Amino acid sequence: MTSNKFSQKDQDFADAMATKLRLNREKLKQTLTPDEKINQLIPEQRDQIGEFRLSIIREGLEEFPGLDPMDALQMMEEFGA
């Protein structure tokens, strides 16, 4: 019978690669323009947000490049906008 368990070294490598990929994605998000970030939203997200809110979020992304559009929507909803 063979074991499907990874050695500790393999697990550490997999964890390191997962961390590297996550950090690369986060860095890429920060280098995208506001329009590129909004274009990455799926159609259901764009419909949920609406064009008026998207215009407000786009302005916020210009001022705060590290902001995620869905995080911006959540903040708007918390403020009642």
PDB file of N, CA and C in Angstrom:
ATOM      1  N   MET A   1       0.830  -1.175   0.000  1.00  0.00           N
ATOM      2  CA  MET A   1       0.000   0.000   0.000  1.00  0.00           C
ATOM      3  C   MET A   1       0.886   1.256   0.000  1.00  0.00           C
ATOM      4  N   THR A   2       0.527   2.246  -0.829  1.00  0.00           N
ATOM      5  CA  THR A   2       1.307   3.470  -0.878  1.00  0.00           C
ATOM      6  C   THR A   2       0.599   4.556  -0.085  1.00  0.00           C
ATOM      7  N   SER A   3       1.375   5.450   0.407  1.00  0.00           N
ATOM      8  CA  SER A   3       0.829   6.550   1.188  1.00  0.00           C
ATOM      9  C   SER A   3       0.756   7.801   0.317  1.00  0.00           C
ATOM     10  N   ASN A   4      -0.345   8.530   0.412  1.00  0.00           N
ATOM     11  CA  ASN A   4      -0.508   9.761  -0.353  1.00  0.00           C
ATOM     12  C   ASN A   4      -0.042  10.987   0.417  1.00  0.00           C
ATOM     13  N   LYS A   5       0.545  10.772   1.574  1.00  0.00           N
ATOM     14  CA  LYS A   5       0.984  11.898   2.389  1.00  0.00           C
ATOM     15  C   LYS A   5       2.275  12.483   1.839  1.00  0.00           C
ATOM     16  N   PHE A   6       2.396  13.784   1.929  1.00  0.00           N
ATOM     17  CA  PHE A   6       3.607  14.459   1.503  1.00  0.00           C
ATOM     18  C   PHE A   6       4.607  14.451   2.646  1.00  0.00           C
ATOM     19  N   SER A   7       5.879  14.470   2.291  1.00  0.00           N
ATOM     20  CA  SER A   7       6.894  14.624   3.323  1.00  0.00           C
ATOM     21  C   SER A   7       6.823  16.060   3.840  1.00  0.00           C
ATOM     22  N   GLN A   8       7.436  16.292   4.969  1.00  0.00           N
ATOM     23  CA  GLN A   8       7.422  17.642   5.546  1.00  0.00           C
ATOM     24  C   GLN A   8       8.096  18.625   4.590  1.00  0.00           C
ATOM     25  N   LYS A   9       9.148  18.186   3.931  1.00  0.00           N
ATOM     26  CA  LYS A   9       9.858  19.052   2.980  1.00  0.00           C
ATOM     27  C   LYS A   9       8.936  19.437   1.818  1.00  0.00           C
ATOM     28  N   ASP A  10       8.180  18.464   1.292  1.00  0.00           N
ATOM     29  CA  ASP A  10       7.244  18.745   0.209  1.00  0.00           C
ATOM     30  C   ASP A  10       6.143  19.696   0.668  1.00  0.00           C
ATOM     31  N   GLN A  11       5.664  19.503   1.878  1.00  0.00           N
ATOM     32  CA  GLN A  11       4.614  20.371   2.419  1.00  0.00           C
ATOM     33  C   GLN A  11       5.121  21.796   2.608  1.00  0.00           C
ATOM     34  N   ASP A  12       6.349  21.925   3.114  1.00  0.00           N
ATOM     35  CA  ASP A  12       6.942  23.255   3.288  1.00  0.00           C
ATOM     36  C   ASP A  12       7.106  23.957   1.944  1.00  0.00           C
ATOM     37  N   PHE A  13       7.524  23.203   0.924  1.00  0.00           N
ATOM     38  CA  PHE A  13       7.677  23.771  -0.409  1.00  0.00           C
ATOM     39  C   PHE A  13       6.325  24.231  -0.955  1.00  0.00           C
ATOM     40  N   ALA A  14       5.302  23.410  -0.790  1.00  0.00           N
ATOM     41  CA  ALA A  14       3.965  23.764  -1.276  1.00  0.00           C
ATOM     42  C   ALA A  14       3.447  25.013  -0.560  1.00  0.00           C
ATOM     43  N   ASP A  15       3.683  25.095   0.740  1.00  0.00           N
ATOM     44  CA  ASP A  15       3.260  26.280   1.497  1.00  0.00           C
ATOM     45  C   ASP A  15       3.994  27.529   1.019  1.00  0.00           C
ATOM     46  N   ALA A  16       5.300  27.392   0.757  1.00  0.00           N
ATOM     47  CA  ALA A  16       6.087  28.534   0.283  1.00  0.00           C
ATOM     48  C   ALA A  16       5.591  29.001  -1.091  1.00  0.00           C
ATOM     49  N   MET A  17       5.281  28.072  -1.971  1.00  0.00           N
ATOM     50  CA  MET A  17       4.785  28.427  -3.301  1.00  0.00           C
ATOM     51  C   MET A  17       3.412  29.096  -3.211  1.00  0.00           C
ATOM     52  N   ALA A  18       2.563  28.598  -2.330  1.00  0.00           N
ATOM     53  CA  ALA A  18       1.244  29.207  -2.153  1.00  0.00           C
ATOM     54  C   ALA A  18       1.384  30.641  -1.647  1.00  0.00           C
ATOM     55  N   THR A  19       2.301  30.856  -0.720  1.00  0.00           N
ATOM     56  CA  THR A  19       2.540  32.203  -0.205  1.00  0.00           C
ATOM     57  C   THR A  19       3.077  33.114  -1.299  1.00  0.00           C
ATOM     58  N   LYS A  20       4.009  32.598  -2.099  1.00  0.00           N
ATOM     59  CA  LYS A  20       4.574  33.401  -3.186  1.00  0.00           C
ATOM     60  C   LYS A  20       3.500  33.796  -4.197  1.00  0.00           C
ATOM     61  N   LEU A  21       2.646  32.856  -4.559  1.00  0.00           N
ATOM     62  CA  LEU A  21       1.571  33.162  -5.506  1.00  0.00           C
ATOM     63  C   LEU A  21       0.610  34.200  -4.939  1.00  0.00           C
ATOM     64  N   ARG A  22       0.267  34.068  -3.670  1.00  0.00           N
ATOM     65  CA  ARG A  22      -0.641  35.031  -3.035  1.00  0.00           C
ATOM     66  C   ARG A  22      -0.026  36.429  -3.035  1.00  0.00           C
ATOM     67  N   LEU A  23       1.244  36.516  -2.670  1.00  0.00           N
ATOM     68  CA  LEU A  23       1.911  37.822  -2.641  1.00  0.00           C
ATOM     69  C   LEU A  23       2.020  38.424  -4.041  1.00  0.00           C
ATOM     70  N   ASN A  24       2.295  37.588  -5.039  1.00  0.00           N
ATOM     71  CA  ASN A  24       2.363  38.085  -6.418  1.00  0.00           C
ATOM     72  C   ASN A  24       1.011  38.618  -6.878  1.00  0.00           C
ATOM     73  N   ARG A  25      -0.075  37.912  -6.524  1.00  0.00           N
ATOM     74  CA  ARG A  25      -1.418  38.386  -6.897  1.00  0.00           C
ATOM     75  C   ARG A  25      -1.727  39.714  -6.220  1.00  0.00           C
ATOM     76  N   GLU A  26      -1.355  39.829  -4.947  1.00  0.00           N
ATOM     77  CA  GLU A  26      -1.605  41.080  -4.227  1.00  0.00           C
ATOM     78  C   GLU A  26      -0.818  42.225  -4.835  1.00  0.00           C
ATOM     79  N   LYS A  27       0.429  41.973  -5.219  1.00  0.00           N
ATOM     80  CA  LYS A  27       1.247  43.017  -5.835  1.00  0.00           C
ATOM     81  C   LYS A  27       0.670  43.414  -7.192  1.00  0.00           C
ATOM     82  N   LEU A  28       0.220  42.427  -7.957  1.00  0.00           N
ATOM     83  CA  LEU A  28      -0.369  42.715  -9.261  1.00  0.00           C
ATOM     84  C   LEU A  28      -1.621  43.574  -9.116  1.00  0.00           C
ATOM     85  N   LYS A  29      -2.441  43.290  -8.112  1.00  0.00           N
ATOM     86  CA  LYS A  29      -3.647  44.086  -7.887  1.00  0.00           C
ATOM     87  C   LYS A  29      -3.305  45.546  -7.631  1.00  0.00           C
ATOM     88  N   GLN A  30      -2.175  45.785  -6.973  1.00  0.00           N
ATOM     89  CA  GLN A  30      -1.797  47.158  -6.650  1.00  0.00           C
ATOM     90  C   GLN A  30      -1.259  47.896  -7.864  1.00  0.00           C
ATOM     91  N   THR A  31      -0.799  47.169  -8.884  1.00  0.00           N
ATOM     92  CA  THR A  31      -0.238  47.840 -10.057  1.00  0.00           C
ATOM     93  C   THR A  31      -1.274  48.036 -11.164  1.00  0.00           C
ATOM     94  N   LEU A  32      -2.463  47.461 -11.002  1.00  0.00           N
ATOM     95  CA  LEU A  32      -3.509  47.625 -12.008  1.00  0.00           C
ATOM     96  C   LEU A  32      -4.122  49.014 -11.930  1.00  0.00           C
ATOM     97  N   THR A  33      -4.557  49.529 -13.064  1.00  0.00           N
ATOM     98  CA  THR A  33      -5.278  50.795 -13.077  1.00  0.00           C
ATOM     99  C   THR A  33      -6.696  50.547 -12.555  1.00  0.00           C
ATOM    100  N   PRO A  34      -7.386  51.599 -12.135  1.00  0.00           N
ATOM    101  CA  PRO A  34      -8.774  51.426 -11.678  1.00  0.00           C
ATOM    102  C   PRO A  34      -9.668  50.754 -12.721  1.00  0.00           C
ATOM    103  N   ASP A  35      -9.518  51.125 -13.987  1.00  0.00           N
ATOM    104  CA  ASP A  35     -10.334  50.507 -15.034  1.00  0.00           C
ATOM    105  C   ASP A  35     -10.025  49.022 -15.190  1.00  0.00           C
ATOM    106  N   GLU A  36      -8.751  48.659 -15.073  1.00  0.00           N
ATOM    107  CA  GLU A  36      -8.385  47.240 -15.173  1.00  0.00           C
ATOM    108  C   GLU A  36      -8.979  46.439 -14.018  1.00  0.00           C
ATOM    109  N   LYS A  37      -8.969  47.021 -12.820  1.00  0.00           N
ATOM    110  CA  LYS A  37      -9.560  46.332 -11.674  1.00  0.00           C
ATOM    111  C   LYS A  37     -11.065  46.136 -11.868  1.00  0.00           C
ATOM    112  N   ILE A  38     -11.726  47.156 -12.363  1.00  0.00           N
ATOM    113  CA  ILE A  38     -13.171  47.060 -12.576  1.00  0.00           C
ATOM    114  C   ILE A  38     -13.472  46.076 -13.708  1.00  0.00           C
ATOM    115  N   ASN A  39     -12.629  46.048 -14.738  1.00  0.00           N
ATOM    116  CA  ASN A  39     -12.837  45.113 -15.844  1.00  0.00           C
ATOM    117  C   ASN A  39     -12.650  43.661 -15.418  1.00  0.00           C
ATOM    118  N   GLN A  40     -11.942  43.414 -14.323  1.00  0.00           N
ATOM    119  CA  GLN A  40     -11.745  42.053 -13.835  1.00  0.00           C
ATOM    120  C   GLN A  40     -12.957  41.524 -13.072  1.00  0.00           C
ATOM    121  N   LEU A  41     -13.901  42.393 -12.747  1.00  0.00           N
ATOM    122  CA  LEU A  41     -15.105  41.943 -12.054  1.00  0.00           C
ATOM    123  C   LEU A  41     -15.945  41.083 -12.996  1.00  0.00           C
ATOM    124  N   ILE A  42     -16.562  40.056 -12.445  1.00  0.00           N
ATOM    125  CA  ILE A  42     -17.446  39.234 -13.270  1.00  0.00           C
ATOM    126  C   ILE A  42     -18.748  39.989 -13.495  1.00  0.00           C
ATOM    127  N   PRO A  43     -19.485  39.670 -14.558  1.00  0.00           N
ATOM    128  CA  PRO A  43     -20.717  40.406 -14.873  1.00  0.00           C
ATOM    129  C   PRO A  43     -21.707  40.469 -13.703  1.00  0.00           C
ATOM    130  N   GLU A  44     -21.805  39.399 -12.933  1.00  0.00           N
ATOM    131  CA  GLU A  44     -22.737  39.401 -11.790  1.00  0.00           C
ATOM    132  C   GLU A  44     -22.329  40.442 -10.755  1.00  0.00           C
ATOM    133  N   GLN A  45     -21.007  40.592 -10.545  1.00  0.00           N
ATOM    134  CA  GLN A  45     -20.525  41.596  -9.600  1.00  0.00           C
ATOM    135  C   GLN A  45     -20.810  43.002 -10.126  1.00  0.00           C
ATOM    136  N   ARG A  46     -20.583  43.212 -11.418  1.00  0.00           N
ATOM    137  CA  ARG A  46     -20.837  44.531 -12.006  1.00  0.00           C
ATOM    138  C   ARG A  46     -22.320  44.885 -11.906  1.00  0.00           C
ATOM    139  N   ASP A  47     -23.188  43.893 -12.155  1.00  0.00           N
ATOM    140  CA  ASP A  47     -24.635  44.132 -12.042  1.00  0.00           C
ATOM    141  C   ASP A  47     -25.023  44.427 -10.603  1.00  0.00           C
ATOM    142  N   GLN A  48     -24.416  43.703  -9.658  1.00  0.00           N
ATOM    143  CA  GLN A  48     -24.711  43.910  -8.243  1.00  0.00           C
ATOM    144  C   GLN A  48     -24.316  45.322  -7.816  1.00  0.00           C
ATOM    145  N   ILE A  49     -23.181  45.778  -8.293  1.00  0.00           N
ATOM    146  CA  ILE A  49     -22.682  47.098  -7.893  1.00  0.00           C
ATOM    147  C   ILE A  49     -23.468  48.212  -8.575  1.00  0.00           C
ATOM    148  N   GLY A  50     -23.696  48.090  -9.865  1.00  0.00           N
ATOM    149  CA  GLY A  50     -24.407  49.140 -10.605  1.00  0.00           C
ATOM    150  C   GLY A  50     -23.440  50.192 -11.130  1.00  0.00           C
ATOM    151  N   GLU A  51     -23.842  50.852 -12.208  1.00  0.00           N
ATOM    152  CA  GLU A  51     -22.970  51.823 -12.864  1.00  0.00           C
ATOM    153  C   GLU A  51     -22.666  53.039 -11.989  1.00  0.00           C
ATOM    154  N   PHE A  52     -23.659  53.513 -11.228  1.00  0.00           N
ATOM    155  CA  PHE A  52     -23.435  54.688 -10.385  1.00  0.00           C
ATOM    156  C   PHE A  52     -22.381  54.397  -9.322  1.00  0.00           C
ATOM    157  N   ARG A  53     -22.548  53.265  -8.640  1.00  0.00           N
ATOM    158  CA  ARG A  53     -21.568  52.896  -7.615  1.00  0.00           C
ATOM    159  C   ARG A  53     -20.203  52.605  -8.230  1.00  0.00           C
ATOM    160  N   LEU A  54     -20.187  52.006  -9.430  1.00  0.00           N
ATOM    161  CA  LEU A  54     -18.908  51.739 -10.090  1.00  0.00           C
ATOM    162  C   LEU A  54     -18.148  53.033 -10.360  1.00  0.00           C
ATOM    163  N   SER A  55     -18.864  54.085 -10.720  1.00  0.00           N
ATOM    164  CA  SER A  55     -18.187  55.362 -10.976  1.00  0.00           C
ATOM    165  C   SER A  55     -17.574  55.916  -9.691  1.00  0.00           C
ATOM    166  N   ILE A  56     -18.272  55.739  -8.573  1.00  0.00           N
ATOM    167  CA  ILE A  56     -17.735  56.187  -7.279  1.00  0.00           C
ATOM    168  C   ILE A  56     -16.532  55.329  -6.894  1.00  0.00           C
ATOM    169  N   ILE A  57     -16.654  54.012  -7.089  1.00  0.00           N
ATOM    170  CA  ILE A  57     -15.555  53.106  -6.761  1.00  0.00           C
ATOM    171  C   ILE A  57     -14.337  53.413  -7.629  1.00  0.00           C
ATOM    172  N   ARG A  58     -14.547  53.711  -8.903  1.00  0.00           N
ATOM    173  CA  ARG A  58     -13.440  54.039  -9.807  1.00  0.00           C
ATOM    174  C   ARG A  58     -12.672  55.252  -9.274  1.00  0.00           C
ATOM    175  N   GLU A  59     -13.378  56.266  -8.809  1.00  0.00           N
ATOM    176  CA  GLU A  59     -12.714  57.449  -8.240  1.00  0.00           C
ATOM    177  C   GLU A  59     -11.932  57.080  -6.983  1.00  0.00           C
ATOM    178  N   GLY A  60     -12.524  56.205  -6.155  1.00  0.00           N
ATOM    179  CA  GLY A  60     -11.826  55.759  -4.949  1.00  0.00           C
ATOM    180  C   GLY A  60     -10.562  54.970  -5.271  1.00  0.00           C
ATOM    181  N   LEU A  61     -10.623  54.159  -6.331  1.00  0.00           N
ATOM    182  CA  LEU A  61      -9.454  53.374  -6.726  1.00  0.00           C
ATOM    183  C   LEU A  61      -8.335  54.270  -7.238  1.00  0.00           C
ATOM    184  N   GLU A  62      -8.691  55.394  -7.836  1.00  0.00           N
ATOM    185  CA  GLU A  62      -7.667  56.332  -8.299  1.00  0.00           C
ATOM    186  C   GLU A  62      -6.956  56.963  -7.110  1.00  0.00           C
ATOM    187  N   GLU A  63      -7.708  57.226  -6.055  1.00  0.00           N
ATOM    188  CA  GLU A  63      -7.125  57.852  -4.862  1.00  0.00           C
ATOM    189  C   GLU A  63      -6.404  56.837  -3.986  1.00  0.00           C
ATOM    190  N   PHE A  64      -6.909  55.609  -3.932  1.00  0.00           N
ATOM    191  CA  PHE A  64      -6.332  54.558  -3.098  1.00  0.00           C
ATOM    192  C   PHE A  64      -6.034  53.332  -3.968  1.00  0.00           C
ATOM    193  N   PRO A  65      -4.856  53.278  -4.613  1.00  0.00           N
ATOM    194  CA  PRO A  65      -4.539  52.212  -5.575  1.00  0.00           C
ATOM    195  C   PRO A  65      -4.590  50.796  -4.997  1.00  0.00           C
ATOM    196  N   GLY A  66      -4.379  50.629  -3.717  1.00  0.00           N
ATOM    197  CA  GLY A  66      -4.379  49.303  -3.120  1.00  0.00           C
ATOM    198  C   GLY A  66      -5.765  48.773  -2.807  1.00  0.00           C
ATOM    199  N   LEU A  67      -6.783  49.569  -3.029  1.00  0.00           N
ATOM    200  CA  LEU A  67      -8.153  49.194  -2.693  1.00  0.00           C
ATOM    201  C   LEU A  67      -8.720  48.200  -3.696  1.00  0.00           C
ATOM    202  N   ASP A  68      -9.450  47.223  -3.196  1.00  0.00           N
ATOM    203  CA  ASP A  68     -10.125  46.241  -4.042  1.00  0.00           C
ATOM    204  C   ASP A  68     -11.556  46.724  -4.287  1.00  0.00           C
ATOM    205  N   PRO A  69     -12.067  46.596  -5.514  1.00  0.00           N
ATOM    206  CA  PRO A  69     -13.423  47.079  -5.799  1.00  0.00           C
ATOM    207  C   PRO A  69     -14.504  46.469  -4.899  1.00  0.00           C
ATOM    208  N   MET A  70     -14.385  45.184  -4.574  1.00  0.00           N
ATOM    209  CA  MET A  70     -15.392  44.553  -3.727  1.00  0.00           C
ATOM    210  C   MET A  70     -15.277  45.039  -2.282  1.00  0.00           C
ATOM    211  N   ASP A  71     -14.065  45.349  -1.838  1.00  0.00           N
ATOM    212  CA  ASP A  71     -13.895  45.945  -0.510  1.00  0.00           C
ATOM    213  C   ASP A  71     -14.515  47.337  -0.478  1.00  0.00           C
ATOM    214  N   ALA A  72     -14.346  48.070  -1.572  1.00  0.00           N
ATOM    215  CA  ALA A  72     -14.943  49.400  -1.657  1.00  0.00           C
ATOM    216  C   ALA A  72     -16.456  49.311  -1.604  1.00  0.00           C
ATOM    217  N   LEU A  73     -17.026  48.326  -2.282  1.00  0.00           N
ATOM    218  CA  LEU A  73     -18.485  48.140  -2.241  1.00  0.00           C
ATOM    219  C   LEU A  73     -18.946  47.834  -0.820  1.00  0.00           C
ATOM    220  N   GLN A  74     -18.211  46.964  -0.145  1.00  0.00           N
ATOM    221  CA  GLN A  74     -18.584  46.623   1.240  1.00  0.00           C
ATOM    222  C   GLN A  74     -18.537  47.868   2.132  1.00  0.00           C
ATOM    223  N   MET A  75     -17.533  48.705   1.953  1.00  0.00           N
ATOM    224  CA  MET A  75     -17.449  49.941   2.749  1.00  0.00           C
ATOM    225  C   MET A  75     -18.618  50.860   2.445  1.00  0.00           C
ATOM    226  N   MET A  76     -18.982  50.955   1.161  1.00  0.00           N
ATOM    227  CA  MET A  76     -20.111  51.806   0.789  1.00  0.00           C
ATOM    228  C   MET A  76     -21.402  51.296   1.443  1.00  0.00           C
ATOM    229  N   GLU A  77     -21.592  49.988   1.442  1.00  0.00           N
ATOM    230  CA  GLU A  77     -22.794  49.414   2.035  1.00  0.00           C
ATOM    231  C   GLU A  77     -22.830  49.640   3.539  1.00  0.00           C
ATOM    232  N   GLU A  78     -21.665  49.580   4.195  1.00  0.00           N
ATOM    233  CA  GLU A  78     -21.603  49.832   5.626  1.00  0.00           C
ATOM    234  C   GLU A  78     -21.977  51.270   5.966  1.00  0.00           C
ATOM    235  N   PHE A  79     -21.645  52.189   5.058  1.00  0.00           N
ATOM    236  CA  PHE A  79     -22.009  53.595   5.254  1.00  0.00           C
ATOM    237  C   PHE A  79     -23.405  53.922   4.767  1.00  0.00           C
ATOM    238  N   GLY A  80     -24.042  52.955   4.143  1.00  0.00           N
ATOM    239  CA  GLY A  80     -25.405  53.155   3.675  1.00  0.00           C
ATOM    240  C   GLY A  80     -25.502  53.804   2.311  1.00  0.00           C
ATOM    241  N   ALA A  81     -24.442  53.761   1.559  1.00  0.00           N
ATOM    242  CA  ALA A  81     -24.449  54.383   0.220  1.00  0.00           C
ATOM    243  C   ALA A  81     -24.883  53.386  -0.836  1.00  0.00           C
TER     244      ALA A  81
END
